[in-house]
């Protein structure tokens, strides 16, 4: 299962789960500082799909264009999770490579 993180919009955070390029589940939240809800969204989407962090095989994170600070937060969380879980993290162009619909 691939975790997809999109923090390119400063106020809206999107987190998805997918396989083979297809998104099976998507959650989003809006907040004054969207990055404050990122970890909560990740744990919620995993819990709702009865998955553990160990079930993830990779992480895809939006690399832009978008909010510089938002993108840094997304990349930092993705890299920390990837390092801790021993899985690959890939940056994706949020306009063409990350599909959330």
C-alpha atoms as a PDB file:
ATOM      1  CA  UNK A   1       0.000   0.000   0.000  1.00  0.00           C
ATOM      2  CA  UNK A   2       1.310   3.449  -0.939  1.00  0.00           C
ATOM      3  CA  UNK A   3       0.705   6.484   1.278  1.00  0.00           C
ATOM      4  CA  UNK A   4       0.229   9.696  -0.711  1.00  0.00           C
ATOM      5  CA  UNK A   5       0.745  13.080   0.920  1.00  0.00           C
ATOM      6  CA  UNK A   6      -0.170  16.425  -0.636  1.00  0.00           C
ATOM      7  CA  UNK A   7       0.643  19.522   1.405  1.00  0.00           C
ATOM      8  CA  UNK A   8       1.083  21.887  -1.540  1.00  0.00           C
ATOM      9  CA  UNK A   9      -1.866  24.044  -0.410  1.00  0.00           C
ATOM     10  CA  UNK A  10      -1.001  25.798   2.853  1.00  0.00           C
ATOM     11  CA  UNK A  11      -4.506  25.393   4.283  1.00  0.00           C
ATOM     12  CA  UNK A  12      -5.706  22.109   2.758  1.00  0.00           C
ATOM     13  CA  UNK A  13      -3.968  18.795   3.361  1.00  0.00           C
ATOM     14  CA  UNK A  14      -4.753  15.637   1.384  1.00  0.00           C
ATOM     15  CA  UNK A  15      -3.697  12.114   2.315  1.00  0.00           C
ATOM     16  CA  UNK A  16      -4.481   9.058   0.230  1.00  0.00           C
ATOM     17  CA  UNK A  17      -3.848   5.340   0.080  1.00  0.00           C
ATOM     18  CA  UNK A  18      -3.416   3.492  -3.163  1.00  0.00           C
ATOM     19  CA  UNK A  19      -1.994   0.642  -5.190  1.00  0.00           C
ATOM     20  CA  UNK A  20      -0.773   0.423  -8.779  1.00  0.00           C
ATOM     21  CA  UNK A  21      -1.292   4.137  -9.401  1.00  0.00           C
ATOM     22  CA  UNK A  22      -4.909   4.086  -8.218  1.00  0.00           C
ATOM     23  CA  UNK A  23      -6.133   5.879  -5.093  1.00  0.00           C
ATOM     24  CA  UNK A  24      -8.464   3.727  -3.022  1.00  0.00           C
ATOM     25  CA  UNK A  25      -9.051   6.126  -0.129  1.00  0.00           C
ATOM     26  CA  UNK A  26      -8.650   9.891   0.237  1.00  0.00           C
ATOM     27  CA  UNK A  27      -8.957  12.136   3.271  1.00  0.00           C
ATOM     28  CA  UNK A  28      -8.525  15.874   3.421  1.00  0.00           C
ATOM     29  CA  UNK A  29      -8.695  18.557   6.065  1.00  0.00           C
ATOM     30  CA  UNK A  30      -8.583  22.318   6.074  1.00  0.00           C
ATOM     31  CA  UNK A  31      -6.978  24.313   8.834  1.00  0.00           C
ATOM     32  CA  UNK A  32      -5.379  27.764   9.190  1.00  0.00           C
ATOM     33  CA  UNK A  33      -2.059  25.933   9.275  1.00  0.00           C
ATOM     34  CA  UNK A  34      -2.808  22.721   7.402  1.00  0.00           C
ATOM     35  CA  UNK A  35       0.372  20.994   8.437  1.00  0.00           C
ATOM     36  CA  UNK A  36      -0.963  20.748  11.995  1.00  0.00           C
ATOM     37  CA  UNK A  37      -3.445  18.068  10.887  1.00  0.00           C
ATOM     38  CA  UNK A  38      -1.126  15.982   8.675  1.00  0.00           C
ATOM     39  CA  UNK A  39      -0.087  13.318  11.183  1.00  0.00           C
ATOM     40  CA  UNK A  40      -3.647  13.037  12.489  1.00  0.00           C
ATOM     41  CA  UNK A  41      -4.938  12.483   8.926  1.00  0.00           C
ATOM     42  CA  UNK A  42      -2.338   9.793   8.285  1.00  0.00           C
ATOM     43  CA  UNK A  43      -3.231   7.860  11.427  1.00  0.00           C
ATOM     44  CA  UNK A  44      -6.980   8.260  10.710  1.00  0.00           C
ATOM     45  CA  UNK A  45      -6.737   6.948   7.147  1.00  0.00           C
ATOM     46  CA  UNK A  46      -4.700   3.955   8.281  1.00  0.00           C
ATOM     47  CA  UNK A  47      -7.077   3.209  11.161  1.00  0.00           C
ATOM     48  CA  UNK A  48     -10.174   3.493   8.931  1.00  0.00           C
ATOM     49  CA  UNK A  49      -8.652   1.007   6.480  1.00  0.00           C
ATOM     50  CA  UNK A  50      -7.546  -1.337   9.280  1.00  0.00           C
ATOM     51  CA  UNK A  51      -3.895  -0.874   8.345  1.00  0.00           C
ATOM     52  CA  UNK A  52      -0.721  -0.377  10.346  1.00  0.00           C
ATOM     53  CA  UNK A  53       2.287   1.712   9.394  1.00  0.00           C
ATOM     54  CA  UNK A  54       4.084  -1.571   8.698  1.00  0.00           C
ATOM     55  CA  UNK A  55       1.574  -2.279   5.886  1.00  0.00           C
ATOM     56  CA  UNK A  56       2.942   0.635   3.857  1.00  0.00           C
ATOM     57  CA  UNK A  57       5.334  -0.244   1.043  1.00  0.00           C
ATOM     58  CA  UNK A  58       6.128   3.304  -0.065  1.00  0.00           C
ATOM     59  CA  UNK A  59       5.286   6.982   0.264  1.00  0.00           C
ATOM     60  CA  UNK A  60       4.629   9.514  -2.484  1.00  0.00           C
ATOM     61  CA  UNK A  61       4.760  13.176  -1.547  1.00  0.00           C
ATOM     62  CA  UNK A  62       3.841  16.252  -3.598  1.00  0.00           C
ATOM     63  CA  UNK A  63       6.924  18.234  -4.592  1.00  0.00           C
ATOM     64  CA  UNK A  64       5.123  21.269  -5.956  1.00  0.00           C
ATOM     65  CA  UNK A  65       4.213  23.709  -7.126  1.00  0.00           C
ATOM     66  CA  UNK A  66       2.703  25.060  -3.960  1.00  0.00           C
ATOM     67  CA  UNK A  67       3.307  26.569  -0.563  1.00  0.00           C
ATOM     68  CA  UNK A  68       7.023  26.355   0.222  1.00  0.00           C
ATOM     69  CA  UNK A  69       6.472  25.740   3.940  1.00  0.00           C
ATOM     70  CA  UNK A  70       3.659  23.262   3.290  1.00  0.00           C
ATOM     71  CA  UNK A  71       5.819  21.289   0.866  1.00  0.00           C
ATOM     72  CA  UNK A  72       8.692  21.221   3.370  1.00  0.00           C
ATOM     73  CA  UNK A  73       6.392  19.836   6.076  1.00  0.00           C
ATOM     74  CA  UNK A  74       5.046  17.147   3.743  1.00  0.00           C
ATOM     75  CA  UNK A  75       8.527  16.131   2.617  1.00  0.00           C
ATOM     76  CA  UNK A  76       9.834  16.090   6.195  1.00  0.00           C
ATOM     77  CA  UNK A  77       7.011  13.878   7.464  1.00  0.00           C
ATOM     78  CA  UNK A  78       7.320  11.572   4.443  1.00  0.00           C
ATOM     79  CA  UNK A  79      11.093  11.248   4.881  1.00  0.00           C
ATOM     80  CA  UNK A  80      10.816  10.618   8.628  1.00  0.00           C
ATOM     81  CA  UNK A  81       8.184   7.914   8.091  1.00  0.00           C
ATOM     82  CA  UNK A  82      10.166   6.403   5.218  1.00  0.00           C
ATOM     83  CA  UNK A  83      13.348   6.289   7.278  1.00  0.00           C
ATOM     84  CA  UNK A  84      11.598   4.844  10.324  1.00  0.00           C
ATOM     85  CA  UNK A  85       9.739   2.211   8.304  1.00  0.00           C
ATOM     86  CA  UNK A  86      12.586   1.431   5.896  1.00  0.00           C
ATOM     87  CA  UNK A  87      10.473   2.199   2.802  1.00  0.00           C
ATOM     88  CA  UNK A  88      11.028   4.354  -0.272  1.00  0.00           C
ATOM     89  CA  UNK A  89       9.848   7.954  -0.495  1.00  0.00           C
ATOM     90  CA  UNK A  90       9.256   9.498  -3.910  1.00  0.00           C
ATOM     91  CA  UNK A  91       8.485  13.090  -4.792  1.00  0.00           C
ATOM     92  CA  UNK A  92       5.703  13.595  -7.318  1.00  0.00           C
ATOM     93  CA  UNK A  93       4.592  16.648  -9.256  1.00  0.00           C
ATOM     94  CA  UNK A  94       1.284  17.480  -7.570  1.00  0.00           C
ATOM     95  CA  UNK A  95      -0.332  18.710 -10.802  1.00  0.00           C
ATOM     96  CA  UNK A  96       0.452  15.764 -13.059  1.00  0.00           C
ATOM     97  CA  UNK A  97       1.701  12.746 -11.123  1.00  0.00           C
ATOM     98  CA  UNK A  98      -0.367  12.652  -7.930  1.00  0.00           C
ATOM     99  CA  UNK A  99      -3.930  11.657  -8.723  1.00  0.00           C
ATOM    100  CA  UNK A 100      -6.473  12.383  -5.991  1.00  0.00           C
ATOM    101  CA  UNK A 101      -9.725  12.072  -7.900  1.00  0.00           C
END
